[in-house]
């Protein structure tokens, strides 16, 4: 392995070299003098170079100061004009722009003065030049903005003035002097608006004409809306030349219609004021020669008569309702009804209230008369509009002694919804009535228990009318018992259930009943609805539909089919339907 030697003792000697002598301090040093001269030359050269460098650095600092000063002015301009929250261009609108150029210029000058005072004197001139350029550009931009905003404000205000003057003329239409003053103001404002929009010559005149025409049209329509057709016609004749063509044709049609309405109203009012029957009033209307006016007068007379009739009917129904309520609250005491209220009712309605009072005093619940119920259901469900109209005009309370409280409420509700135009609500209440009536009517025909209403009113058919009423009552009561069962939860009987009830109650029983007539009585075959403890005697008397249902039930239960079993089951159902058990 190599070995590194250590340095050890000194190896260089200190003995002076032979022939070499030391120089004395006072001997001339030519090398030192040269160095001094060189150093002086360098010093003189250095002074000139340093000055040049200093000048360059000073220029750089001055430029930086001017750039900073201009930056402050630029930042002011950017923030003061364009800041989204506080900038002039984003926040100042309309009339608020007035004087904004002066305000911004003053703020700019204040900031520039502050900046200038912080600069050295030798930079003042340079700063003033860049300041002036900035000020001029700022002034032009803000002044342009101010002018645009003021022009827009002027335009908006002038448009508003036109509208206000037009509305003033319309609202003051009944005061000619004030109306015409507003019209003149609208024309002046419209001319000013046309000028602001840059219109001139014929275009400017047409613009003003259009605004004036609009005002005339609105005034005439106001007259017509207020049924001042004669005033409207006079005004139109005076201002016709100031109304533009398209509006002219529209106004002529409106004036014709207004004249017809106004004329028919005045003629109808005169005829109605003279009094008389509706027939006599119609005859007076027929004497008018103008066909359109005659028809309009006739319509007004009939409408007014219908309105008066409705008011009288509503007043009468209210009086009858009050009397009925007082009678029921008093337990049948007629003395509870004030004399004035009593005498305001018709003879028929007073008789009905006496009958109701008798039932109330005796504690006998009012039962529904089936013929009355059928009469109301026939009127309310008829396809004949005249019969439905008759239902609406019928006073349900006049049947207070012939309708149970539940049925009375039912028909009042039906009538109320129909009068209010709630057809869906009325149809819901009548959903089963029409179907039940059809089933009952068909059964009556099959039993031979049918006559016209006029025939049934005859004394000879008194017994037949009673039997028909009894059948309708029996069906209604049986249906009600089905619907009132707890398991039904208020659900109405289905058509199939109603048909079964009808079929059972029209089953022949083999017995006979007496049908009373005017001069003699007649015995006729009896049906289940009118036979106590009614039973079908033969299986062939069972309605086919009922028999099929019983046979299906026996099969489902696994019982053999026999006439005896079928007859027993049917008679059990019949006794339940009749409520014999």
Protein backbone atom coordinates (compact mmCIF):
# COMPACT_ATOMS: atom_id res chain seq x y z
CA UNK A 1 0.00 0.00 0.00
CA UNK A 2 1.36 3.50 -0.85
CA UNK A 3 2.55 5.61 2.02
CA UNK A 4 1.92 9.33 2.40
CA UNK A 5 4.80 11.08 4.03
CA UNK A 6 4.19 13.68 6.69
CA UNK A 7 5.54 17.23 6.19
CA UNK A 8 8.09 17.01 9.10
CA UNK A 9 10.72 19.66 9.88
CA UNK A 10 11.37 22.77 7.71
CA UNK A 11 13.11 21.85 4.51
CA UNK A 12 13.71 25.42 3.05
CA UNK A 13 16.74 27.31 4.30
CA UNK A 14 16.84 30.93 5.44
CA UNK A 15 20.39 31.81 4.26
CA UNK A 16 20.45 34.92 1.94
CA UNK A 17 21.10 34.35 -1.69
CA UNK A 18 24.57 35.46 -2.77
CA UNK A 19 24.84 38.66 -4.85
CA UNK A 20 21.36 40.02 -3.90
CA UNK A 21 20.98 43.16 -1.82
CA UNK A 22 18.04 44.94 -0.20
CA UNK A 23 16.86 48.36 -1.47
CA UNK A 24 16.87 51.26 0.95
CA UNK A 25 13.66 53.17 1.65
CA UNK A 26 15.01 56.49 0.40
CA UNK A 27 16.00 55.20 -3.00
CA UNK A 28 13.76 56.14 -5.99
CA UNK A 29 10.83 53.61 -6.75
CA UNK A 30 10.09 53.86 -10.40
CA UNK A 31 7.56 51.08 -10.32
CA UNK A 32 5.50 52.77 -7.52
CA UNK A 33 5.37 56.06 -9.39
CA UNK A 34 4.04 54.34 -12.45
CA UNK A 35 1.37 52.75 -10.36
CA UNK A 36 0.35 56.10 -8.90
CA UNK A 37 0.11 57.68 -12.29
CA UNK A 38 -1.98 54.79 -13.53
CA UNK A 39 -4.28 55.08 -10.53
CA UNK A 40 -4.77 58.81 -11.12
CA UNK A 41 -5.61 58.21 -14.75
CA UNK A 42 -8.10 55.56 -13.73
CA UNK A 43 -9.62 57.92 -11.14
CA UNK A 44 -10.07 60.65 -13.69
CA UNK A 45 -11.71 58.22 -16.10
CA UNK A 46 -13.96 56.85 -13.34
CA UNK A 47 -15.44 60.26 -12.51
CA UNK A 48 -16.85 60.69 -16.06
CA UNK A 49 -18.23 57.13 -16.22
CA UNK A 50 -19.98 57.36 -12.85
CA UNK A 51 -21.74 60.56 -13.89
CA UNK A 52 -23.08 58.93 -16.99
CA UNK A 53 -24.37 55.92 -14.99
CA UNK A 54 -25.94 58.21 -12.44
CA UNK A 55 -27.79 60.08 -15.16
CA UNK A 56 -29.13 56.84 -16.59
CA UNK A 57 -30.37 55.68 -13.19
CA UNK A 58 -32.03 59.02 -12.53
CA UNK A 59 -33.88 58.84 -15.85
CA UNK A 60 -35.07 55.34 -15.03
CA UNK A 61 -36.42 56.46 -11.62
CA UNK A 62 -38.19 59.46 -13.18
CA UNK A 63 -39.85 57.24 -15.76
CA UNK A 64 -41.03 54.88 -13.03
CA UNK A 65 -42.49 57.81 -11.08
CA UNK A 66 -44.38 59.08 -14.12
CA UNK A 67 -45.65 55.60 -14.90
CA UNK A 68 -46.91 55.26 -11.31
CA UNK A 69 -48.58 58.66 -11.46
CA UNK A 70 -50.34 57.78 -14.72
CA UNK A 71 -51.34 54.41 -13.29
CA UNK A 72 -53.16 56.17 -10.45
CA UNK A 73 -55.05 58.31 -12.96
CA UNK A 74 -55.91 55.23 -15.04
CA UNK A 75 -57.13 53.35 -11.97
CA UNK A 76 -59.34 56.31 -11.04
CA UNK A 77 -60.83 56.33 -14.53
CA UNK A 78 -61.45 52.58 -14.54
CA UNK A 79 -63.00 52.46 -11.07
CA UNK A 80 -64.98 55.70 -11.25
CA UNK A 81 -66.52 54.89 -14.61
CA UNK A 82 -66.75 51.12 -14.91
CA UNK A 83 -66.89 49.50 -11.48
CA UNK A 84 -69.94 47.13 -11.48
CA UNK A 85 -71.14 48.41 -8.11
CA UNK A 86 -70.19 52.08 -8.02
CA UNK A 87 -69.17 53.05 -11.55
CA UNK A 88 -70.83 55.95 -13.33
CA UNK A 89 -71.52 53.90 -16.47
CA UNK A 90 -73.15 51.05 -14.52
CA UNK A 91 -75.07 52.91 -11.80
CA UNK A 92 -76.03 56.33 -13.11
CA UNK A 93 -79.14 56.39 -15.31
CA UNK A 94 -81.49 58.95 -16.79
CA UNK A 95 -81.73 62.34 -15.19
CA UNK A 96 -79.16 61.39 -12.54
CA UNK A 97 -76.53 61.69 -15.29
CA UNK A 98 -76.99 65.46 -15.43
CA UNK A 99 -73.72 67.13 -14.25
CA UNK A 100 -71.86 63.85 -13.92
CA UNK A 101 -69.15 65.02 -16.37
CA UNK A 102 -68.42 68.07 -14.22
CA UNK A 103 -68.37 65.99 -11.02
CA UNK A 104 -66.03 63.35 -12.43
CA UNK A 105 -63.75 66.05 -13.92
CA UNK A 106 -63.48 67.80 -10.59
CA UNK A 107 -62.62 64.55 -8.83
CA UNK A 108 -60.01 63.82 -11.51
CA UNK A 109 -58.39 67.24 -11.06
CA UNK A 110 -58.28 66.81 -7.28
CA UNK A 111 -56.55 63.47 -7.61
CA UNK A 112 -54.14 64.79 -10.27
CA UNK A 113 -53.22 67.76 -8.04
CA UNK A 114 -52.44 65.46 -5.14
CA UNK A 115 -50.27 63.26 -7.35
CA UNK A 116 -48.48 66.25 -8.89
CA UNK A 117 -47.56 67.72 -5.53
CA UNK A 118 -45.78 64.49 -4.69
CA UNK A 119 -43.51 64.69 -7.77
CA UNK A 120 -40.17 66.56 -8.04
CA UNK A 121 -40.12 69.84 -9.88
CA UNK A 122 -38.26 68.55 -12.90
CA UNK A 123 -41.15 66.05 -13.56
CA UNK A 124 -43.98 68.62 -13.36
CA UNK A 125 -44.07 69.40 -17.06
CA UNK A 126 -44.07 65.78 -18.14
CA UNK A 127 -46.87 64.94 -15.67
CA UNK A 128 -48.99 67.90 -16.81
CA UNK A 129 -48.81 66.70 -20.39
CA UNK A 130 -49.93 63.16 -19.61
CA UNK A 131 -52.55 64.53 -17.15
CA UNK A 132 -54.06 66.74 -19.85
CA UNK A 133 -54.28 63.86 -22.29
CA UNK A 134 -56.04 61.74 -19.67
CA UNK A 135 -58.39 64.56 -18.69
CA UNK A 136 -59.45 65.19 -22.30
CA UNK A 137 -60.17 61.54 -23.00
CA UNK A 138 -62.12 61.23 -19.72
CA UNK A 139 -64.08 64.41 -20.45
CA UNK A 140 -65.11 63.25 -23.90
CA UNK A 141 -66.22 59.82 -22.68
CA UNK A 142 -68.24 61.04 -19.69
CA UNK A 143 -69.74 63.95 -21.62
CA UNK A 144 -70.92 61.53 -24.33
CA UNK A 145 -72.43 59.25 -21.68
CA UNK A 146 -74.17 62.17 -19.98
CA UNK A 147 -75.62 63.34 -23.28
CA UNK A 148 -76.97 59.90 -24.15
CA UNK A 149 -78.55 59.39 -20.75
CA UNK A 150 -80.18 62.83 -20.78
CA UNK A 151 -81.46 62.19 -24.31
CA UNK A 152 -82.95 58.91 -23.19
CA UNK A 153 -84.45 60.57 -20.14
CA UNK A 154 -85.92 63.30 -22.30
CA UNK A 155 -87.41 60.68 -24.63
CA UNK A 156 -88.86 58.64 -21.76
CA UNK A 157 -90.36 61.67 -20.07
CA UNK A 158 -91.88 62.91 -23.29
CA UNK A 159 -93.42 59.48 -24.00
CA UNK A 160 -94.87 59.51 -20.49
CA UNK A 161 -96.23 63.01 -21.06
CA UNK A 162 -98.02 61.84 -24.20
CA UNK A 163 -99.63 58.96 -22.28
CA UNK A 164 -100.60 61.15 -19.34
CA UNK A 165 -102.19 63.74 -21.61
CA UNK A 166 -104.08 61.03 -23.50
CA UNK A 167 -105.39 59.49 -20.28
CA UNK A 168 -106.32 62.92 -18.97
CA UNK A 169 -108.41 63.59 -22.08
CA UNK A 170 -110.13 60.21 -21.74
CA UNK A 171 -110.94 60.60 -18.04
CA UNK A 172 -112.18 64.16 -18.54
CA UNK A 173 -114.32 63.22 -21.53
CA UNK A 174 -117.49 64.44 -19.81
CA UNK A 175 -116.02 67.93 -19.33
CA UNK A 176 -115.39 69.24 -22.87
CA UNK A 177 -113.18 72.20 -21.89
CA UNK A 178 -110.82 70.08 -19.78
CA UNK A 179 -110.92 67.24 -22.30
CA UNK A 180 -109.87 69.51 -25.18
CA UNK A 181 -107.09 71.09 -23.09
CA UNK A 182 -105.61 67.64 -22.46
CA UNK A 183 -105.99 66.80 -26.15
CA UNK A 184 -103.96 69.87 -27.11
CA UNK A 185 -101.28 68.92 -24.57
CA UNK A 186 -101.13 65.40 -26.01
CA UNK A 187 -100.59 66.80 -29.52
CA UNK A 188 -97.76 69.12 -28.36
CA UNK A 189 -96.08 66.29 -26.44
CA UNK A 190 -96.43 63.96 -29.44
CA UNK A 191 -94.77 66.54 -31.71
CA UNK A 192 -91.88 66.89 -29.26
CA UNK A 193 -91.58 63.08 -29.10
CA UNK A 194 -91.45 62.83 -32.88
CA UNK A 195 -88.63 65.39 -32.91
CA UNK A 196 -86.66 63.46 -30.31
CA UNK A 197 -87.07 60.30 -32.38
CA UNK A 198 -85.54 62.05 -35.33
CA UNK A 199 -88.72 62.24 -37.39
CA UNK A 200 -89.33 65.13 -39.69
CA UNK A 201 -91.70 66.43 -42.32
CA UNK A 202 -94.64 64.17 -43.17
CA UNK A 203 -93.44 61.40 -40.87
CA UNK A 204 -93.57 63.79 -37.93
CA UNK A 205 -97.08 64.95 -38.84
CA UNK A 206 -98.27 61.36 -39.26
CA UNK A 207 -96.90 60.46 -35.85
CA UNK A 208 -98.78 63.29 -34.15
CA UNK A 209 -101.94 62.43 -36.11
CA UNK A 210 -101.74 58.81 -34.92
CA UNK A 211 -101.47 59.83 -31.25
CA UNK A 212 -104.40 62.24 -31.53
CA UNK A 213 -106.46 59.61 -33.35
CA UNK A 214 -105.78 57.09 -30.60
CA UNK A 215 -107.08 59.54 -28.03
CA UNK A 216 -110.28 60.22 -29.99
CA UNK A 217 -110.94 56.50 -30.36
CA UNK A 218 -110.47 55.89 -26.63
CA UNK A 219 -112.81 58.77 -25.76
CA UNK A 220 -115.55 57.43 -28.05
CA UNK A 221 -115.18 53.92 -26.63
CA UNK A 222 -115.51 55.35 -23.14
CA UNK A 223 -118.75 57.04 -24.12
CA UNK A 224 -120.07 53.77 -25.53
CA UNK A 225 -119.00 51.78 -22.45
CA UNK A 226 -120.93 54.26 -20.29
CA UNK A 227 -124.00 53.82 -22.55
CA UNK A 228 -123.64 57.40 -23.87
CA UNK A 229 -124.24 56.33 -27.45
CA UNK A 230 -125.70 59.69 -28.52
CA UNK A 231 -122.75 61.63 -27.06
CA UNK A 232 -120.38 59.20 -28.79
CA UNK A 233 -122.10 59.74 -32.14
CA UNK A 234 -121.92 63.53 -31.79
CA UNK A 235 -118.24 63.49 -30.83
CA UNK A 236 -117.46 61.14 -33.72
CA UNK A 237 -119.13 63.47 -36.18
CA UNK A 238 -117.05 66.39 -34.88
CA UNK A 239 -113.68 64.57 -34.86
CA UNK A 240 -114.09 62.14 -37.74
CA UNK A 241 -111.46 63.89 -39.90
CA UNK A 242 -108.85 63.47 -37.12
CA UNK A 243 -109.26 59.68 -36.91
CA UNK A 244 -107.03 57.44 -39.05
CA UNK A 245 -108.56 55.02 -41.54
CA UNK A 246 -108.23 51.64 -39.80
CA UNK A 247 -109.72 52.91 -36.57
CA UNK A 248 -112.47 54.70 -38.48
CA UNK A 249 -114.07 51.48 -39.75
CA UNK A 250 -113.85 49.87 -36.31
CA UNK A 251 -115.50 52.87 -34.68
CA UNK A 252 -118.34 52.96 -37.16
CA UNK A 253 -119.23 49.36 -36.29
CA UNK A 254 -118.98 50.08 -32.55
CA UNK A 255 -121.15 53.18 -32.89
CA UNK A 256 -123.78 51.22 -34.80
CA UNK A 257 -123.87 48.57 -32.07
CA UNK A 258 -123.87 51.24 -29.35
CA UNK A 259 -126.70 53.08 -31.02
CA UNK A 260 -128.71 49.86 -31.23
CA UNK A 261 -128.10 49.10 -27.56
CA UNK A 262 -128.85 52.60 -26.40
CA UNK A 263 -131.96 52.92 -28.55
CA UNK A 264 -133.30 49.53 -27.45
CA UNK A 265 -132.66 50.35 -23.81
CA UNK A 266 -134.51 53.66 -24.02
CA UNK A 267 -137.43 52.08 -25.88
CA UNK A 268 -137.59 49.10 -23.49
CA UNK A 269 -137.43 51.38 -20.45
CA UNK A 270 -140.36 53.41 -21.79
CA UNK A 271 -142.45 50.29 -22.45
CA UNK A 272 -141.66 48.78 -19.04
CA UNK A 273 -142.38 52.07 -17.27
CA UNK A 274 -145.86 52.12 -18.83
CA UNK A 275 -146.60 48.79 -17.12
CA UNK A 276 -149.01 46.15 -18.36
CA UNK A 277 -148.69 42.44 -19.01
CA UNK A 278 -145.77 40.86 -20.80
CA UNK A 279 -148.04 40.14 -23.77
CA UNK A 280 -149.05 43.81 -23.99
CA UNK A 281 -145.45 44.95 -23.74
CA UNK A 282 -144.43 42.54 -26.50
CA UNK A 283 -147.15 43.99 -28.71
CA UNK A 284 -145.71 47.48 -28.20
CA UNK A 285 -142.28 46.20 -29.16
CA UNK A 286 -143.66 44.64 -32.34
CA UNK A 287 -144.84 48.08 -33.46
CA UNK A 288 -141.20 49.19 -33.94
CA UNK A 289 -140.41 49.26 -37.65
CA UNK A 290 -136.62 48.76 -37.48
CA UNK A 291 -136.17 44.95 -37.36
CA UNK A 292 -132.91 45.02 -35.38
CA UNK A 293 -134.22 47.56 -32.91
CA UNK A 294 -137.47 45.60 -32.50
CA UNK A 295 -135.63 42.37 -31.72
CA UNK A 296 -133.31 44.12 -29.28
CA UNK A 297 -136.25 45.77 -27.47
CA UNK A 298 -138.11 42.46 -27.30
CA UNK A 299 -135.04 40.75 -25.81
CA UNK A 300 -134.64 43.49 -23.20
CA UNK A 301 -138.29 43.31 -22.16
CA UNK A 302 -138.19 39.54 -21.80
CA UNK A 303 -134.88 39.68 -19.93
CA UNK A 304 -136.17 42.32 -17.53
CA UNK A 305 -139.37 40.36 -16.96
CA UNK A 306 -137.39 37.19 -16.25
CA UNK A 307 -135.17 39.13 -13.87
CA UNK A 308 -138.13 40.57 -12.00
CA UNK A 309 -139.77 37.13 -11.85
CA UNK A 310 -136.59 35.65 -10.46
CA UNK A 311 -136.35 38.35 -7.80
CA UNK A 312 -139.96 37.79 -6.81
CA UNK A 313 -139.48 34.01 -6.74
CA UNK A 314 -136.36 34.29 -4.59
CA UNK A 315 -138.17 36.70 -2.25
CA UNK A 316 -141.12 34.34 -1.99
CA UNK A 317 -138.93 31.29 -1.41
CA UNK A 318 -137.11 33.16 1.35
CA UNK A 319 -140.45 33.99 3.00
CA UNK A 320 -141.63 30.38 2.67
CA UNK A 321 -138.33 29.09 4.10
CA UNK A 322 -138.67 31.41 7.07
CA UNK A 323 -142.26 30.31 7.71
CA UNK A 324 -141.35 26.60 7.46
CA UNK A 325 -138.38 27.02 9.82
CA UNK A 326 -140.51 28.88 12.37
CA UNK A 327 -143.18 26.18 12.18
CA UNK A 328 -140.68 23.33 12.66
CA UNK A 329 -138.88 25.15 15.48
CA UNK A 330 -142.24 25.73 17.19
CA UNK A 331 -143.28 22.10 16.96
CA UNK A 332 -146.17 22.87 14.61
CA UNK A 333 -147.45 26.04 16.30
CA UNK A 334 -148.77 28.22 13.48
CA UNK A 335 -148.84 31.20 15.82
CA UNK A 336 -145.06 31.35 15.54
CA UNK A 337 -145.45 32.64 11.97
CA UNK A 338 -146.01 36.45 11.97
CA UNK A 339 -149.30 37.55 10.32
CA UNK A 340 -147.53 39.63 7.64
CA UNK A 341 -145.37 36.66 6.70
CA UNK A 342 -148.36 34.30 6.71
CA UNK A 343 -150.48 36.49 4.42
CA UNK A 344 -147.57 36.90 1.98
CA UNK A 345 -147.83 33.18 1.13
CA UNK A 346 -150.17 31.68 -1.42
CA UNK A 347 -153.34 29.83 -0.44
CA UNK A 348 -151.85 26.52 -1.56
CA UNK A 349 -148.66 27.02 0.46
CA UNK A 350 -150.62 28.00 3.55
CA UNK A 351 -152.63 24.79 3.19
CA UNK A 352 -149.40 22.83 2.94
CA UNK A 353 -148.05 24.49 6.08
CA UNK A 354 -151.27 23.64 7.95
CA UNK A 355 -150.86 20.00 6.94
CA UNK A 356 -147.23 20.10 8.08
CA UNK A 357 -148.27 21.73 11.37
CA UNK A 358 -150.80 18.93 11.96
CA UNK A 359 -148.16 16.26 11.46
CA UNK A 360 -145.73 18.08 13.73
CA UNK A 361 -148.29 18.51 16.50
CA UNK A 362 -149.28 14.85 16.29
CA UNK A 363 -145.66 13.77 16.22
CA UNK A 364 -146.19 12.01 12.90
CA UNK A 365 -143.06 12.08 10.76
CA UNK A 366 -143.64 13.48 7.31
CA UNK A 367 -143.43 10.76 4.70
CA UNK A 368 -142.61 11.37 1.09
CA UNK A 369 -145.51 11.25 -1.31
CA UNK A 370 -144.23 9.04 -4.17
CA UNK A 371 -146.13 10.98 -6.81
CA UNK A 372 -144.58 14.23 -5.60
CA UNK A 373 -141.11 12.67 -5.61
CA UNK A 374 -141.69 11.27 -9.09
CA UNK A 375 -142.95 14.64 -10.31
CA UNK A 376 -139.78 16.40 -9.14
CA UNK A 377 -137.50 13.69 -10.49
CA UNK A 378 -139.29 13.76 -13.85
CA UNK A 379 -138.84 17.54 -14.11
CA UNK A 380 -135.19 17.55 -13.03
CA UNK A 381 -134.05 14.71 -15.30
CA UNK A 382 -136.17 15.46 -18.36
CA UNK A 383 -134.53 15.97 -21.75
CA UNK A 384 -137.05 18.76 -22.38
CA UNK A 385 -135.42 22.12 -21.46
CA UNK A 386 -138.82 23.62 -20.64
CA UNK A 387 -139.46 20.95 -17.99
CA UNK A 388 -136.01 21.49 -16.50
CA UNK A 389 -136.73 25.22 -16.44
CA UNK A 390 -139.98 24.48 -14.62
CA UNK A 391 -138.02 22.50 -12.02
CA UNK A 392 -135.74 25.49 -11.40
CA UNK A 393 -138.79 27.71 -10.85
CA UNK A 394 -140.53 25.25 -8.52
CA UNK A 395 -140.66 26.12 -4.83
CA UNK A 396 -139.55 22.88 -3.17
CA UNK A 397 -140.82 24.06 0.21
CA UNK A 398 -144.36 24.13 -1.15
CA UNK A 399 -144.11 20.32 -0.83
CA UNK A 400 -142.97 20.47 2.80
CA UNK A 401 -145.96 18.34 3.89
CA UNK A 402 -145.35 15.77 1.12
CA UNK A 403 -141.58 15.29 1.35
CA UNK A 404 -139.66 13.82 4.24
CA UNK A 405 -137.01 16.18 5.67
CA UNK A 406 -134.30 14.09 3.96
CA UNK A 407 -136.02 14.16 0.57
CA UNK A 408 -136.85 17.84 0.91
CA UNK A 409 -133.19 18.62 1.52
CA UNK A 410 -132.22 16.39 -1.40
CA UNK A 411 -134.39 18.29 -3.89
CA UNK A 412 -133.38 21.68 -2.51
CA UNK A 413 -129.72 20.70 -2.98
CA UNK A 414 -130.38 19.50 -6.54
CA UNK A 415 -132.17 22.73 -7.38
CA UNK A 416 -129.51 24.90 -5.75
CA UNK A 417 -126.64 23.26 -7.65
CA UNK A 418 -128.55 23.47 -10.93
CA UNK A 419 -129.28 27.16 -10.41
CA UNK A 420 -125.61 27.80 -9.64
CA UNK A 421 -124.57 26.11 -12.88
CA UNK A 422 -122.96 23.18 -11.06
CA UNK A 423 -124.21 20.57 -13.51
CA UNK A 424 -121.70 17.98 -12.30
CA UNK A 425 -122.87 18.36 -8.70
CA UNK A 426 -126.53 18.15 -9.69
CA UNK A 427 -125.93 15.07 -11.86
CA UNK A 428 -124.12 13.38 -8.99
CA UNK A 429 -127.19 13.87 -6.78
CA UNK A 430 -129.44 12.64 -9.60
CA UNK A 431 -127.17 9.80 -10.71
CA UNK A 432 -129.66 7.05 -9.73
CA UNK A 433 -132.93 8.95 -10.05
CA UNK A 434 -133.31 8.77 -13.83
CA UNK A 435 -132.40 5.06 -13.95
CA UNK A 436 -134.83 4.23 -11.12
CA UNK A 437 -137.63 6.15 -12.81
CA UNK A 438 -137.06 4.26 -16.05
CA UNK A 439 -137.19 0.89 -14.25
CA UNK A 440 -140.33 1.83 -12.33
CA UNK A 441 -142.06 3.16 -15.45
CA UNK A 442 -141.28 -0.07 -17.33
CA UNK A 443 -142.65 -2.15 -14.45
CA UNK A 444 -145.84 -0.07 -14.31
CA UNK A 445 -146.39 -0.71 -18.01
CA UNK A 446 -145.86 -4.46 -17.54
CA UNK A 447 -148.44 -4.46 -14.71
CA UNK A 448 -150.92 -2.40 -16.70
CA UNK A 449 -150.74 0.41 -14.14
CA UNK A 450 -150.20 3.34 -16.47
CA UNK A 451 -152.20 6.30 -17.67
CA UNK A 452 -151.41 9.84 -18.77
CA UNK A 453 -151.11 12.50 -16.09
CA UNK A 454 -154.34 14.06 -17.28
CA UNK A 455 -156.16 10.72 -16.99
CA UNK A 456 -154.79 10.05 -13.54
CA UNK A 457 -156.14 13.39 -12.34
CA UNK A 458 -159.67 12.28 -13.20
CA UNK A 459 -161.87 11.05 -10.39
CA UNK A 460 -162.53 7.73 -12.18
CA UNK A 461 -158.83 6.79 -11.93
CA UNK A 462 -158.37 7.75 -8.32
CA UNK A 463 -157.74 4.15 -7.27
CA UNK A 464 -155.27 3.57 -10.12
CA UNK A 465 -153.38 6.73 -9.20
CA UNK A 466 -153.17 5.48 -5.61
CA UNK A 467 -151.78 2.09 -6.70
CA UNK A 468 -149.15 3.78 -8.90
CA UNK A 469 -148.14 5.97 -6.00
CA UNK A 470 -147.96 2.97 -3.67
CA UNK A 471 -145.65 1.13 -6.08
CA UNK A 472 -143.31 4.10 -6.38
CA UNK A 473 -143.26 4.45 -2.59
CA UNK A 474 -142.56 0.76 -2.05
CA UNK A 475 -139.61 0.85 -4.46
CA UNK A 476 -138.20 4.00 -2.92
CA UNK A 477 -138.46 2.70 0.64
CA UNK A 478 -136.89 -0.65 -0.29
CA UNK A 479 -133.99 1.08 -2.04
CA UNK A 480 -133.52 3.36 0.98
CA UNK A 481 -133.33 0.33 3.31
CA UNK A 482 -130.60 -1.20 1.16
CA UNK A 483 -128.59 2.03 1.11
CA UNK A 484 -128.95 2.54 4.87
CA UNK A 485 -127.41 -0.81 5.81
CA UNK A 486 -124.25 -0.32 7.93
CA UNK A 487 -122.12 -2.35 5.53
CA UNK A 488 -122.99 0.01 2.66
CA UNK A 489 -121.06 2.97 4.15
CA UNK A 490 -123.34 5.43 2.37
CA UNK A 491 -122.91 3.93 -1.10
CA UNK A 492 -125.98 4.27 -3.37
CA UNK A 493 -127.78 1.20 -4.66
CA UNK A 494 -126.56 -0.11 -7.98
CA UNK A 495 -128.82 -0.39 -11.02
CA UNK A 496 -128.79 -4.19 -10.62
CA UNK A 497 -129.96 -3.91 -7.00
CA UNK A 498 -132.73 -1.47 -7.91
CA UNK A 499 -133.87 -3.72 -10.78
CA UNK A 500 -134.08 -6.70 -8.41
CA UNK A 501 -136.20 -4.66 -5.98
CA UNK A 502 -138.53 -3.56 -8.78
CA UNK A 503 -138.87 -7.12 -10.12
CA UNK A 504 -139.67 -8.58 -6.70
CA UNK A 505 -142.27 -5.95 -5.85
CA UNK A 506 -144.13 -6.44 -9.15
CA UNK A 507 -144.41 -10.18 -8.68
CA UNK A 508 -148.06 -11.38 -8.94
CA UNK A 509 -149.36 -13.00 -5.73
CA UNK A 510 -152.50 -14.69 -7.06
CA UNK A 511 -154.71 -12.53 -4.83
CA UNK A 512 -156.87 -9.58 -5.81
CA UNK A 513 -157.31 -6.02 -4.53
CA UNK A 514 -160.09 -3.50 -4.91
CA UNK A 515 -159.42 -0.56 -7.21
CA UNK A 516 -161.80 2.22 -6.27
CA UNK A 517 -163.44 4.30 -9.00
CA UNK A 518 -165.75 7.28 -9.11
CA UNK A 519 -168.96 5.33 -9.64
CA UNK A 520 -167.98 1.72 -8.86
CA UNK A 521 -165.10 -0.35 -7.54
CA UNK A 522 -163.22 -3.04 -9.44
CA UNK A 523 -161.25 -6.05 -8.19
CA UNK A 524 -157.97 -6.53 -10.02
CA UNK A 525 -154.95 -8.86 -9.71
CA UNK A 526 -152.69 -7.92 -6.81
CA UNK A 527 -148.92 -7.60 -6.82
CA UNK A 528 -146.35 -8.08 -4.11
CA UNK A 529 -145.98 -4.34 -3.36
CA UNK A 530 -149.65 -4.11 -2.26
CA UNK A 531 -150.21 -7.51 -0.60
CA UNK A 532 -149.52 -8.00 3.09
CA UNK A 533 -147.02 -10.82 3.75
CA UNK A 534 -146.80 -11.22 -0.03
CA UNK A 535 -145.57 -14.55 -1.38
CA UNK A 536 -145.21 -15.87 -4.90
CA UNK A 537 -147.50 -18.89 -5.26
CA UNK A 538 -145.83 -20.49 -8.28
CA UNK A 539 -142.24 -20.69 -9.41
CA UNK A 540 -143.35 -19.46 -12.84
CA UNK A 541 -144.35 -16.12 -11.26
CA UNK A 542 -140.74 -15.42 -10.27
CA UNK A 543 -139.11 -12.83 -12.58
CA UNK A 544 -136.62 -14.59 -14.89
CA UNK A 545 -133.68 -12.49 -13.75
CA UNK A 546 -134.35 -13.28 -10.09
CA UNK A 547 -134.72 -16.99 -10.86
CA UNK A 548 -131.35 -17.12 -12.63
CA UNK A 549 -129.64 -15.48 -9.66
CA UNK A 550 -131.22 -17.96 -7.20
CA UNK A 551 -130.24 -20.95 -9.33
CA UNK A 552 -126.65 -19.69 -9.53
CA UNK A 553 -126.55 -19.29 -5.74
CA UNK A 554 -127.88 -22.84 -5.18
CA UNK A 555 -125.27 -24.29 -7.53
CA UNK A 556 -122.45 -22.36 -5.83
CA UNK A 557 -123.61 -23.75 -2.44
CA UNK A 558 -123.79 -27.30 -3.80
CA UNK A 559 -127.58 -27.63 -3.28
CA UNK A 560 -129.77 -29.44 -5.81
CA UNK A 561 -132.05 -27.30 -7.96
CA UNK A 562 -135.77 -27.72 -7.29
CA UNK A 563 -138.85 -25.57 -7.74
CA UNK A 564 -139.49 -25.74 -4.01
CA UNK A 565 -136.00 -24.50 -3.08
CA UNK A 566 -136.14 -21.75 -5.69
CA UNK A 567 -139.59 -20.61 -4.51
CA UNK A 568 -138.56 -20.60 -0.86
CA UNK A 569 -135.45 -18.54 -1.49
CA UNK A 570 -137.33 -16.04 -3.63
CA UNK A 571 -140.09 -15.57 -1.06
CA UNK A 572 -137.43 -15.08 1.62
CA UNK A 573 -135.86 -12.28 -0.45
CA UNK A 574 -139.29 -10.79 -1.15
CA UNK A 575 -140.17 -10.65 2.55
CA UNK A 576 -136.87 -8.86 3.24
CA UNK A 577 -137.48 -6.38 0.42
CA UNK A 578 -141.01 -5.66 1.72
CA UNK A 579 -139.67 -5.53 5.30
CA UNK A 580 -142.10 -8.23 6.38
CA UNK A 581 -139.31 -9.72 8.49
